[in-house]
């Protein structure tokens, strides 16, 4: 027995030492991780669930019907300076964060590490290589640089789990950091994801990975971009031909070319393609890009639009030329000298862009928010005579309504800054952060601890017995000798077999149901001298 006792004492001492070492190690880990920035989910829709979707990996699925405009997710990211190169981002800071926090094993973008027993020699994927793959696919990067010319990159944990669709039912928007002095000093704001289309129960919730311009490109261009940057081929409804309006991206204006035969259509498209390549394709034989001369550039691009006026306004060729002219007008800013002088022409081109976006993209697409904000910024410098016609034309097919709703939804601070007159119409309210609001009845002071008088409470007297016999409550003594007034409402019985259903809007009192003196004496709730109180709280 002494040997057994010695072994037990030794084991207890070893466990005590191990527990101390574990606590010290845990404390050092927490102190080290306190300096590591991390993401934070501020809100997630209760109808959003992460599920395995076969070949698509994991993705969010709606467990309930979600109305257009409802907030789905709000998350605070980590952000860093990704360099001044618009085509090649510096992801070193994001890679280090993935390795230090272990998020490299959570986020999609890289295959899991192969099994050492099954993988051939030299085929092991290191953790850093997987982190590089995850950062290259999951990092969000602003489309506009900061004032110092550098771009801000961000990483999210929850928002990165949305799968892609070229016609998404969800979208997120991050305001441009152009007013920030440097990308290194950028303080990230939470990114909110909203339902931009009505989502049915059981439907997958997807966002779009492409830029604003790529979302309005042809299926061939979208597939090439997705394969190059994310390594997959999209098979969404739009890419399969489920959006008939997409034929406008490579065609002629149906109304203007109604009398043109097929041969003439092909000739016009071929000529426009050849002239377009000479303007923007460096690999073309007759490549001659626009010069740095502002007037010569605008004249050349405007002449291209006039010669190819039969092209649809949504044609990718017309889109590129229109954006180049707008960029030339607003090169010095909306309030610059050229911007003020050419405000009417720039606003007309922006209106043309908004009408195309309104027909081809989802109703509350984040693309519309930035377009409408830019249009309002230019419109303030337009003469009143021209501004009147622009305000009239922007209402065509509900274009202004949905652009205004998109701006209020995705960037309400910018909508307030631009003094947008009306708020969002027919839009659900944003969820209030914090605990959910109380939906039951309001509590009544002292109602939950009131004691009903009756023969069940130690034989309180004749008044109590009469009241109990009459099925109502009379005067009674409260706890500690204080008098209390009965609320007259039913209370939960102690025995669940006799529990009765209360009204839906009524919260039952946490006291026992009045019983007879014989039942109380049998259960021992009240003694012969009435010393028992008979209180019974509901667990």
Protein backbone atom coordinates (compact mmCIF):
# COMPACT_ATOMS: atom_id res chain seq x y z
CA UNK A 1 0.00 0.00 0.00
CA UNK A 2 2.90 2.35 0.71
CA UNK A 3 4.26 1.82 -2.82
CA UNK A 4 0.87 2.57 -4.33
CA UNK A 5 0.58 5.73 -2.26
CA UNK A 6 4.05 6.84 -3.34
CA UNK A 7 3.17 6.29 -7.00
CA UNK A 8 -0.03 8.30 -6.61
CA UNK A 9 1.85 11.18 -4.96
CA UNK A 10 4.45 11.12 -7.76
CA UNK A 11 1.76 11.14 -10.45
CA UNK A 12 -0.04 14.04 -8.78
CA UNK A 13 3.17 16.05 -8.57
CA UNK A 14 3.94 15.34 -12.24
CA UNK A 15 0.45 16.40 -13.31
CA UNK A 16 0.76 19.56 -11.22
CA UNK A 17 4.08 20.45 -12.82
CA UNK A 18 2.73 19.69 -16.31
CA UNK A 19 -0.29 21.89 -15.69
CA UNK A 20 1.94 24.76 -14.59
CA UNK A 21 4.10 24.36 -17.67
CA UNK A 22 1.01 24.29 -19.87
CA UNK A 23 -0.35 27.47 -18.30
CA UNK A 24 2.99 29.24 -18.75
CA UNK A 25 3.17 28.14 -22.38
CA UNK A 26 -0.41 29.26 -22.99
CA UNK A 27 0.30 32.63 -21.39
CA UNK A 28 3.38 33.18 -23.54
CA UNK A 29 1.36 32.24 -26.65
CA UNK A 30 -1.42 34.68 -25.77
CA UNK A 31 1.07 37.49 -25.15
CA UNK A 32 2.77 36.77 -28.47
CA UNK A 33 -0.53 36.65 -30.36
CA UNK A 34 -1.79 39.88 -28.78
CA UNK A 35 0.48 41.85 -31.12
CA UNK A 36 -0.74 39.95 -34.22
CA UNK A 37 -3.61 41.72 -36.01
CA UNK A 38 -6.57 39.54 -36.76
CA UNK A 39 -9.92 39.67 -38.49
CA UNK A 40 -13.19 39.99 -36.61
CA UNK A 41 -16.70 39.01 -37.66
CA UNK A 42 -19.07 41.72 -36.44
CA UNK A 43 -22.29 40.25 -37.85
CA UNK A 44 -23.43 37.13 -39.69
CA UNK A 45 -26.94 36.51 -41.00
CA UNK A 46 -28.65 33.66 -39.10
CA UNK A 47 -29.78 32.17 -42.43
CA UNK A 48 -26.19 31.80 -43.71
CA UNK A 49 -24.56 28.38 -43.34
CA UNK A 50 -21.19 27.06 -44.54
CA UNK A 51 -21.62 23.69 -46.25
CA UNK A 52 -19.61 21.30 -48.42
CA UNK A 53 -20.65 21.69 -52.09
CA UNK A 54 -18.77 18.86 -53.80
CA UNK A 55 -16.39 20.04 -56.50
CA UNK A 56 -16.99 23.67 -55.51
CA UNK A 57 -15.48 23.05 -52.08
CA UNK A 58 -17.12 24.84 -49.18
CA UNK A 59 -19.54 27.71 -49.64
CA UNK A 60 -22.38 29.59 -47.99
CA UNK A 61 -25.94 28.34 -48.47
CA UNK A 62 -29.12 30.14 -47.45
CA UNK A 63 -31.11 28.12 -44.91
CA UNK A 64 -34.02 30.57 -45.17
CA UNK A 65 -35.34 32.92 -47.83
CA UNK A 66 -33.31 36.15 -47.77
CA UNK A 67 -34.74 39.39 -49.05
CA UNK A 68 -32.82 41.64 -51.40
CA UNK A 69 -30.95 44.27 -49.41
CA UNK A 70 -30.48 42.25 -46.20
CA UNK A 71 -27.05 42.31 -44.65
CA UNK A 72 -25.32 38.95 -44.76
CA UNK A 73 -21.92 39.48 -43.24
CA UNK A 74 -19.81 42.24 -41.71
CA UNK A 75 -16.14 41.62 -41.01
CA UNK A 76 -13.12 43.68 -40.03
CA UNK A 77 -10.06 42.69 -42.13
CA UNK A 78 -6.33 42.99 -41.78
CA UNK A 79 -4.77 45.41 -44.27
CA UNK A 80 -1.27 46.14 -45.52
CA UNK A 81 0.62 48.04 -48.19
CA UNK A 82 0.83 45.86 -51.33
CA UNK A 83 3.06 48.17 -53.36
CA UNK A 84 2.56 50.59 -56.26
CA UNK A 85 2.38 47.98 -59.05
CA UNK A 86 -1.28 47.63 -60.13
CA UNK A 87 -0.70 44.21 -61.71
CA UNK A 88 1.64 42.53 -59.19
CA UNK A 89 0.83 42.85 -55.49
CA UNK A 90 3.28 42.46 -52.64
CA UNK A 91 1.64 39.79 -50.47
CA UNK A 92 4.49 39.21 -48.01
CA UNK A 93 2.64 40.81 -45.06
CA UNK A 94 -0.48 38.72 -45.74
CA UNK A 95 1.57 35.53 -46.04
CA UNK A 96 3.22 36.14 -42.68
CA UNK A 97 -0.19 36.74 -41.10
CA UNK A 98 -1.51 33.46 -42.52
CA UNK A 99 1.46 31.58 -41.09
CA UNK A 100 1.40 33.20 -37.64
CA UNK A 101 -2.34 32.82 -37.07
CA UNK A 102 -2.77 29.40 -38.69
CA UNK A 103 -5.42 30.76 -41.08
CA UNK A 104 -3.54 29.09 -43.93
CA UNK A 105 -5.27 25.85 -42.91
CA UNK A 106 -8.73 27.44 -42.87
CA UNK A 107 -9.02 29.58 -45.99
CA UNK A 108 -9.55 28.13 -49.47
CA UNK A 109 -7.19 28.62 -52.36
CA UNK A 110 -4.66 25.82 -51.95
CA UNK A 111 -5.04 22.02 -51.82
CA UNK A 112 -4.44 20.34 -48.47
CA UNK A 113 -0.92 19.07 -47.84
CA UNK A 114 -0.45 15.65 -49.46
CA UNK A 115 0.04 12.58 -47.35
CA UNK A 116 3.70 11.76 -46.91
CA UNK A 117 3.01 8.05 -47.39
CA UNK A 118 1.23 8.50 -50.72
CA UNK A 119 3.00 11.54 -52.22
CA UNK A 120 6.12 10.92 -54.31
CA UNK A 121 9.49 12.20 -53.18
CA UNK A 122 9.83 15.96 -53.55
CA UNK A 123 6.08 16.46 -54.00
CA UNK A 124 5.45 17.75 -50.48
CA UNK A 125 3.91 21.23 -50.42
CA UNK A 126 5.45 23.40 -47.74
CA UNK A 127 3.31 25.53 -45.48
CA UNK A 128 4.76 28.72 -46.93
CA UNK A 129 3.91 27.67 -50.48
CA UNK A 130 0.34 26.98 -49.41
CA UNK A 131 0.21 30.37 -47.67
CA UNK A 132 1.42 32.06 -50.86
CA UNK A 133 -1.30 30.31 -52.85
CA UNK A 134 -3.99 31.26 -50.34
CA UNK A 135 -2.87 34.91 -50.23
CA UNK A 136 -2.79 35.19 -54.02
CA UNK A 137 -6.36 33.92 -54.31
CA UNK A 138 -8.07 35.25 -51.19
CA UNK A 139 -6.54 38.72 -50.85
CA UNK A 140 -8.81 41.67 -51.68
CA UNK A 141 -7.09 44.61 -53.32
CA UNK A 142 -8.45 48.11 -53.86
CA UNK A 143 -8.92 49.09 -57.50
CA UNK A 144 -7.75 52.66 -56.78
CA UNK A 145 -4.45 53.59 -55.12
CA UNK A 146 -3.89 55.86 -52.14
CA UNK A 147 -2.44 59.34 -52.47
CA UNK A 148 1.11 57.93 -52.41
CA UNK A 149 0.34 55.62 -55.38
CA UNK A 150 0.36 52.38 -53.36
CA UNK A 151 -2.51 49.90 -53.19
CA UNK A 152 -4.14 48.53 -50.04
CA UNK A 153 -4.59 44.75 -49.79
CA UNK A 154 -6.82 43.00 -47.25
CA UNK A 155 -7.52 39.48 -46.02
CA UNK A 156 -10.74 38.16 -44.50
CA UNK A 157 -11.53 34.86 -42.84
CA UNK A 158 -15.30 34.60 -43.17
CA UNK A 159 -15.81 36.72 -46.30
CA UNK A 160 -13.24 34.65 -48.21
CA UNK A 161 -15.52 31.61 -48.06
CA UNK A 162 -17.99 33.00 -50.62
CA UNK A 163 -17.76 31.25 -53.98
CA UNK A 164 -17.81 33.09 -57.30
CA UNK A 165 -20.57 33.76 -59.79
CA UNK A 166 -20.52 36.12 -62.78
CA UNK A 167 -24.10 37.08 -61.90
CA UNK A 168 -23.92 37.03 -58.08
CA UNK A 169 -26.72 37.29 -55.56
CA UNK A 170 -24.47 38.92 -52.94
CA UNK A 171 -21.97 41.74 -53.11
CA UNK A 172 -19.56 43.72 -50.95
CA UNK A 173 -18.22 47.22 -51.42
CA UNK A 174 -15.19 48.98 -49.93
CA UNK A 175 -14.86 52.73 -50.38
CA UNK A 176 -11.88 53.95 -52.37
CA UNK A 177 -8.87 54.98 -50.23
CA UNK A 178 -7.86 57.72 -52.68
CA UNK A 179 -8.16 60.34 -49.93
CA UNK A 180 -5.78 58.41 -47.63
CA UNK A 181 -2.23 59.78 -47.57
CA UNK A 182 -0.46 56.41 -47.61
CA UNK A 183 -1.39 52.75 -47.77
CA UNK A 184 0.76 52.04 -44.71
CA UNK A 185 -1.39 54.38 -42.61
CA UNK A 186 -4.71 53.04 -43.91
CA UNK A 187 -7.14 52.10 -41.11
CA UNK A 188 -9.44 49.40 -42.50
CA UNK A 189 -13.17 49.73 -42.04
CA UNK A 190 -15.50 46.73 -41.76
CA UNK A 191 -16.61 45.29 -45.08
CA UNK A 192 -20.33 44.54 -45.31
CA UNK A 193 -21.77 41.94 -47.67
CA UNK A 194 -25.41 42.35 -48.72
CA UNK A 195 -27.92 40.32 -50.69
CA UNK A 196 -28.17 42.14 -54.04
CA UNK A 197 -30.85 39.79 -55.36
CA UNK A 198 -33.61 37.80 -53.66
CA UNK A 199 -32.15 34.50 -52.41
CA UNK A 200 -34.29 31.39 -52.10
CA UNK A 201 -33.97 28.78 -49.37
CA UNK A 202 -31.25 26.25 -50.23
CA UNK A 203 -29.63 28.51 -52.84
CA UNK A 204 -25.88 29.10 -52.74
CA UNK A 205 -24.82 32.63 -51.85
CA UNK A 206 -22.08 33.88 -54.21
CA UNK A 207 -20.14 37.05 -54.82
CA UNK A 208 -18.18 38.17 -57.90
CA UNK A 209 -14.38 38.11 -57.85
CA UNK A 210 -13.96 40.26 -60.97
CA UNK A 211 -13.35 43.99 -61.18
CA UNK A 212 -16.05 46.47 -62.22
CA UNK A 213 -14.90 46.53 -65.86
CA UNK A 214 -14.49 42.75 -66.09
CA UNK A 215 -18.04 42.17 -64.86
CA UNK A 216 -19.24 43.91 -68.05
CA UNK A 217 -16.95 41.91 -70.34
CA UNK A 218 -17.73 38.93 -72.54
CA UNK A 219 -17.81 35.36 -71.24
CA UNK A 220 -14.54 34.60 -73.02
CA UNK A 221 -12.75 37.46 -71.26
CA UNK A 222 -14.24 36.57 -67.87
CA UNK A 223 -13.18 32.93 -68.16
CA UNK A 224 -9.65 33.94 -69.13
CA UNK A 225 -9.34 36.27 -66.14
CA UNK A 226 -10.71 33.70 -63.69
CA UNK A 227 -8.37 31.02 -65.00
CA UNK A 228 -5.35 33.30 -64.77
CA UNK A 229 -5.92 34.68 -61.27
CA UNK A 230 -7.94 31.98 -59.49
CA UNK A 231 -7.31 28.84 -61.50
CA UNK A 232 -10.87 27.72 -62.20
CA UNK A 233 -13.50 27.93 -64.93
CA UNK A 234 -16.85 29.43 -64.04
CA UNK A 235 -19.98 27.44 -64.85
CA UNK A 236 -22.56 29.88 -63.52
CA UNK A 237 -25.90 30.56 -65.16
CA UNK A 238 -24.58 33.65 -66.95
CA UNK A 239 -21.58 31.84 -68.45
CA UNK A 240 -23.88 29.09 -69.71
CA UNK A 241 -25.91 31.62 -71.72
CA UNK A 242 -28.64 32.21 -69.16
CA UNK A 243 -28.47 36.00 -69.59
CA UNK A 244 -29.77 36.87 -73.10
CA UNK A 245 -28.78 40.53 -72.67
CA UNK A 246 -25.12 39.50 -72.72
CA UNK A 247 -25.27 39.27 -76.51
CA UNK A 248 -25.15 43.07 -76.48
CA UNK A 249 -21.54 42.88 -75.28
CA UNK A 250 -20.31 41.90 -78.75
CA UNK A 251 -23.10 43.07 -81.05
CA UNK A 252 -24.70 46.02 -82.76
CA UNK A 253 -27.48 48.26 -81.57
CA UNK A 254 -30.69 46.41 -82.45
CA UNK A 255 -32.74 49.57 -83.06
CA UNK A 256 -30.10 51.40 -85.12
CA UNK A 257 -29.11 48.37 -87.22
CA UNK A 258 -32.56 46.94 -87.88
CA UNK A 259 -32.27 47.57 -91.64
CA UNK A 260 -28.68 46.31 -91.95
CA UNK A 261 -28.18 42.88 -93.53
CA UNK A 262 -25.95 40.16 -92.05
CA UNK A 263 -23.03 40.82 -94.39
CA UNK A 264 -22.94 44.50 -93.50
CA UNK A 265 -23.15 43.64 -89.80
CA UNK A 266 -20.05 41.47 -89.99
CA UNK A 267 -18.19 44.13 -91.96
CA UNK A 268 -18.99 46.80 -89.37
CA UNK A 269 -17.92 44.56 -86.49
CA UNK A 270 -14.66 43.65 -88.25
CA UNK A 271 -13.82 47.29 -88.96
CA UNK A 272 -14.55 48.33 -85.37
CA UNK A 273 -12.41 45.48 -84.03
CA UNK A 274 -9.48 46.45 -86.28
CA UNK A 275 -9.63 50.11 -85.25
CA UNK A 276 -9.97 49.13 -81.60
CA UNK A 277 -6.85 46.95 -81.74
CA UNK A 278 -4.88 49.78 -83.31
CA UNK A 279 -5.82 51.93 -80.32
CA UNK A 280 -5.34 49.55 -77.38
CA UNK A 281 -3.71 46.26 -78.46
CA UNK A 282 0.09 46.47 -78.31
CA UNK A 283 0.37 43.25 -80.33
CA UNK A 284 -1.44 44.64 -83.38
CA UNK A 285 0.58 45.41 -86.51
CA UNK A 286 -0.86 48.92 -86.88
CA UNK A 287 -0.74 49.70 -83.15
CA UNK A 288 -0.87 53.45 -82.65
CA UNK A 289 -2.06 54.38 -79.13
CA UNK A 290 -3.46 57.78 -78.22
CA UNK A 291 -0.81 60.41 -77.53
CA UNK A 292 -0.32 62.36 -74.34
CA UNK A 293 -1.96 65.36 -75.96
CA UNK A 294 -5.36 65.76 -74.29
CA UNK A 295 -7.20 67.34 -77.20
CA UNK A 296 -5.78 64.92 -79.77
CA UNK A 297 -6.74 61.94 -77.61
CA UNK A 298 -10.29 63.13 -77.06
CA UNK A 299 -10.76 63.95 -80.75
CA UNK A 300 -9.49 60.56 -81.84
CA UNK A 301 -11.66 58.60 -79.40
CA UNK A 302 -14.72 60.72 -80.16
CA UNK A 303 -14.22 60.16 -83.89
CA UNK A 304 -14.10 56.41 -83.24
CA UNK A 305 -17.47 56.59 -81.51
CA UNK A 306 -18.99 58.53 -84.39
CA UNK A 307 -17.68 56.17 -87.08
CA UNK A 308 -18.89 53.10 -85.20
CA UNK A 309 -22.16 54.49 -83.95
CA UNK A 310 -24.04 51.31 -84.90
CA UNK A 311 -22.27 49.38 -82.16
CA UNK A 312 -24.31 48.69 -79.08
CA UNK A 313 -23.60 50.99 -76.15
CA UNK A 314 -22.89 47.85 -74.12
CA UNK A 315 -20.37 46.52 -76.61
CA UNK A 316 -17.01 45.95 -74.92
CA UNK A 317 -15.33 48.09 -77.58
CA UNK A 318 -17.60 51.05 -76.88
CA UNK A 319 -17.21 50.50 -73.14
CA UNK A 320 -13.42 50.79 -73.33
CA UNK A 321 -13.51 53.90 -75.52
CA UNK A 322 -16.12 55.52 -73.27
CA UNK A 323 -14.04 54.89 -70.15
CA UNK A 324 -10.93 56.33 -71.80
CA UNK A 325 -12.77 59.54 -72.69
CA UNK A 326 -14.19 59.85 -69.16
CA UNK A 327 -10.74 59.29 -67.68
CA UNK A 328 -9.32 62.03 -69.95
CA UNK A 329 -12.03 64.48 -68.89
CA UNK A 330 -11.55 63.77 -65.18
CA UNK A 331 -7.78 63.33 -65.18
CA UNK A 332 -7.35 66.42 -63.02
CA UNK A 333 -10.28 65.55 -60.78
CA UNK A 334 -13.97 66.38 -60.82
CA UNK A 335 -13.31 69.95 -59.71
CA UNK A 336 -10.27 70.48 -61.93
CA UNK A 337 -10.15 72.96 -64.77
CA UNK A 338 -10.78 70.37 -67.49
CA UNK A 339 -13.35 68.56 -65.34
CA UNK A 340 -15.43 71.69 -64.91
CA UNK A 341 -15.15 72.68 -68.57
CA UNK A 342 -16.11 69.21 -69.86
CA UNK A 343 -18.57 68.33 -67.06
CA UNK A 344 -21.58 68.11 -69.38
CA UNK A 345 -19.90 65.68 -71.79
CA UNK A 346 -18.48 63.59 -68.94
CA UNK A 347 -21.89 63.38 -67.23
CA UNK A 348 -23.54 62.26 -70.50
CA UNK A 349 -20.98 59.46 -70.87
CA UNK A 350 -21.40 58.43 -67.23
CA UNK A 351 -25.16 58.30 -67.74
CA UNK A 352 -24.63 56.02 -70.74
CA UNK A 353 -22.46 53.77 -68.56
CA UNK A 354 -25.11 53.68 -65.82
CA UNK A 355 -27.85 52.63 -68.24
CA UNK A 356 -25.72 49.72 -69.46
CA UNK A 357 -24.90 48.62 -65.91
CA UNK A 358 -28.53 48.83 -64.86
CA UNK A 359 -29.55 46.32 -67.55
CA UNK A 360 -26.68 43.83 -67.36
CA UNK A 361 -25.76 43.56 -63.65
CA UNK A 362 -27.78 42.63 -60.53
CA UNK A 363 -30.21 45.19 -59.18
CA UNK A 364 -28.15 46.26 -56.15
CA UNK A 365 -24.70 45.56 -57.57
CA UNK A 366 -21.86 47.40 -55.75
CA UNK A 367 -20.71 48.65 -59.17
CA UNK A 368 -23.73 50.95 -59.22
CA UNK A 369 -22.73 52.62 -55.96
CA UNK A 370 -19.42 53.95 -57.29
CA UNK A 371 -20.97 54.91 -60.63
CA UNK A 372 -23.76 56.94 -59.05
CA UNK A 373 -21.39 58.71 -56.65
CA UNK A 374 -19.18 59.69 -59.58
CA UNK A 375 -22.15 60.86 -61.62
CA UNK A 376 -23.42 63.11 -58.80
CA UNK A 377 -19.94 64.56 -58.33
CA UNK A 378 -19.76 65.56 -62.00
CA UNK A 379 -23.39 66.70 -62.23
CA UNK A 380 -22.88 69.56 -59.77
CA UNK A 381 -20.57 71.29 -62.29
CA UNK A 382 -22.98 70.90 -65.24
CA UNK A 383 -24.95 73.99 -66.35
CA UNK A 384 -28.56 73.92 -65.20
CA UNK A 385 -29.94 73.62 -68.73
CA UNK A 386 -27.97 70.46 -69.46
CA UNK A 387 -28.39 69.14 -65.92
CA UNK A 388 -32.19 69.19 -66.29
CA UNK A 389 -32.13 66.82 -69.26
CA UNK A 390 -29.59 64.55 -67.54
CA UNK A 391 -31.76 64.28 -64.42
CA UNK A 392 -34.71 63.37 -66.65
CA UNK A 393 -32.86 60.71 -68.66
CA UNK A 394 -31.33 59.04 -65.62
CA UNK A 395 -34.79 57.97 -64.49
CA UNK A 396 -35.23 55.69 -67.53
CA UNK A 397 -36.09 52.08 -66.55
CA UNK A 398 -35.58 52.86 -62.86
CA UNK A 399 -31.87 53.53 -63.39
CA UNK A 400 -31.63 56.29 -60.79
CA UNK A 401 -33.76 54.40 -58.26
CA UNK A 402 -31.56 51.31 -58.18
CA UNK A 403 -28.32 53.26 -58.36
CA UNK A 404 -29.45 55.43 -55.45
CA UNK A 405 -30.50 52.38 -53.42
CA UNK A 406 -27.15 50.72 -54.15
CA UNK A 407 -25.28 53.81 -52.94
CA UNK A 408 -27.32 54.06 -49.73
CA UNK A 409 -26.87 50.33 -49.13
CA UNK A 410 -23.14 49.95 -49.73
CA UNK A 411 -21.80 53.41 -48.84
CA UNK A 412 -24.29 55.46 -46.78
CA UNK A 413 -21.59 57.87 -45.60
CA UNK A 414 -20.82 58.85 -49.21
CA UNK A 415 -24.54 59.25 -49.91
CA UNK A 416 -24.83 61.67 -47.00
CA UNK A 417 -21.73 63.57 -48.10
CA UNK A 418 -23.20 64.04 -51.59
CA UNK A 419 -26.52 65.20 -50.10
CA UNK A 420 -28.57 62.55 -51.84
CA UNK A 421 -32.12 63.78 -51.28
CA UNK A 422 -34.01 60.56 -50.67
CA UNK A 423 -32.95 57.54 -48.70
CA UNK A 424 -33.33 53.93 -49.82
CA UNK A 425 -36.79 52.81 -50.89
CA UNK A 426 -38.34 49.43 -50.04
CA UNK A 427 -35.13 48.25 -48.38
CA UNK A 428 -34.88 46.24 -45.14
CA UNK A 429 -33.31 47.98 -42.19
CA UNK A 430 -29.75 47.18 -41.18
CA UNK A 431 -29.39 44.87 -38.18
CA UNK A 432 -28.58 46.55 -34.90
CA UNK A 433 -25.21 45.38 -33.57
CA UNK A 434 -25.10 43.67 -30.20
CA UNK A 435 -27.58 41.37 -28.49
CA UNK A 436 -30.91 40.73 -30.26
CA UNK A 437 -33.82 42.88 -29.07
CA UNK A 438 -36.31 41.49 -26.55
CA UNK A 439 -39.43 40.10 -28.22
CA UNK A 440 -41.38 38.96 -25.15
CA UNK A 441 -43.51 41.00 -22.76
CA UNK A 442 -42.00 43.74 -20.65
CA UNK A 443 -41.25 42.62 -17.08
CA UNK A 444 -43.45 43.98 -14.27
CA UNK A 445 -41.62 45.01 -11.09
CA UNK A 446 -42.06 42.45 -8.27
CA UNK A 447 -44.36 40.32 -10.43
CA UNK A 448 -41.92 37.42 -10.69
CA UNK A 449 -41.34 37.19 -6.92
CA UNK A 450 -44.92 37.83 -5.72
CA UNK A 451 -46.41 35.18 -3.39
CA UNK A 452 -50.07 34.34 -3.77
CA UNK A 453 -51.98 33.83 -0.58
CA UNK A 454 -54.07 30.80 0.04
CA UNK A 455 -54.38 27.77 2.18
CA UNK A 456 -51.37 26.33 0.37
CA UNK A 457 -49.10 28.90 2.01
CA UNK A 458 -49.10 27.70 5.57
CA UNK A 459 -52.77 28.44 6.32
CA UNK A 460 -52.62 32.19 6.11
CA UNK A 461 -56.10 32.71 7.51
CA UNK A 462 -59.74 32.93 6.64
CA UNK A 463 -59.30 35.53 3.98
CA UNK A 464 -56.74 33.40 2.23
CA UNK A 465 -58.91 30.28 2.37
CA UNK A 466 -61.93 32.14 1.07
CA UNK A 467 -59.91 33.63 -1.73
CA UNK A 468 -58.50 30.24 -2.67
CA UNK A 469 -61.94 28.68 -2.60
CA UNK A 470 -63.30 31.42 -4.80
CA UNK A 471 -60.53 30.85 -7.33
CA UNK A 472 -59.14 34.34 -6.90
CA UNK A 473 -56.40 36.01 -4.89
CA UNK A 474 -57.08 38.17 -1.89
CA UNK A 475 -54.84 40.21 0.41
CA UNK A 476 -51.65 38.39 1.20
CA UNK A 477 -48.45 38.78 3.10
CA UNK A 478 -45.31 39.15 1.06
CA UNK A 479 -41.87 37.83 1.72
CA UNK A 480 -40.38 39.15 4.94
CA UNK A 481 -43.69 40.43 6.23
CA UNK A 482 -44.17 42.94 3.40
CA UNK A 483 -47.57 43.27 1.83
CA UNK A 484 -47.91 42.58 -1.85
CA UNK A 485 -50.69 42.89 -4.39
CA UNK A 486 -51.45 39.88 -6.55
CA UNK A 487 -51.30 40.43 -10.28
CA UNK A 488 -54.19 38.06 -10.85
CA UNK A 489 -52.33 36.09 -13.52
CA UNK A 490 -51.88 32.36 -13.64
CA UNK A 491 -48.64 30.88 -12.51
CA UNK A 492 -46.75 27.72 -13.46
CA UNK A 493 -47.88 24.66 -11.44
CA UNK A 494 -45.17 22.71 -9.68
CA UNK A 495 -46.23 19.40 -11.14
CA UNK A 496 -45.61 19.35 -14.89
CA UNK A 497 -48.59 17.08 -15.43
CA UNK A 498 -50.88 19.96 -14.50
CA UNK A 499 -48.96 22.64 -16.39
CA UNK A 500 -51.34 24.73 -18.48
CA UNK A 501 -50.62 26.70 -21.60
CA UNK A 502 -50.37 30.43 -21.04
CA UNK A 503 -51.10 33.13 -23.60
CA UNK A 504 -48.43 33.58 -26.26
CA UNK A 505 -47.63 37.10 -25.13
CA UNK A 506 -47.53 36.27 -21.42
CA UNK A 507 -44.45 35.38 -19.40
CA UNK A 508 -45.46 33.09 -16.50
CA UNK A 509 -44.61 33.99 -12.93
CA UNK A 510 -41.85 31.95 -11.30
CA UNK A 511 -43.97 30.81 -8.30
CA UNK A 512 -45.98 27.72 -7.47
CA UNK A 513 -49.66 27.26 -8.16
CA UNK A 514 -51.93 27.60 -5.03
CA UNK A 515 -52.95 24.16 -3.75
CA UNK A 516 -55.08 22.85 -0.97
CA UNK A 517 -53.85 22.67 2.66
CA UNK A 518 -53.91 18.87 2.62
CA UNK A 519 -51.74 18.71 -0.50
CA UNK A 520 -49.35 21.28 0.92
CA UNK A 521 -49.05 19.38 4.19
CA UNK A 522 -48.49 16.09 2.36
CA UNK A 523 -45.68 17.54 0.27
CA UNK A 524 -44.09 19.31 3.25
CA UNK A 525 -44.24 22.77 1.70
CA UNK A 526 -45.95 24.27 4.74
CA UNK A 527 -45.80 23.05 8.37
CA UNK A 528 -48.57 22.96 10.92
CA UNK A 529 -47.52 26.35 12.11
CA UNK A 530 -47.45 27.83 8.63
CA UNK A 531 -43.71 28.23 8.56
CA UNK A 532 -43.29 27.05 4.94
CA UNK A 533 -43.35 29.64 2.20
CA UNK A 534 -44.40 27.41 -0.70
CA UNK A 535 -42.04 29.15 -3.21
CA UNK A 536 -40.92 27.08 -6.19
CA UNK A 537 -38.68 28.58 -8.88
CA UNK A 538 -38.60 27.20 -12.36
CA UNK A 539 -35.16 25.84 -13.25
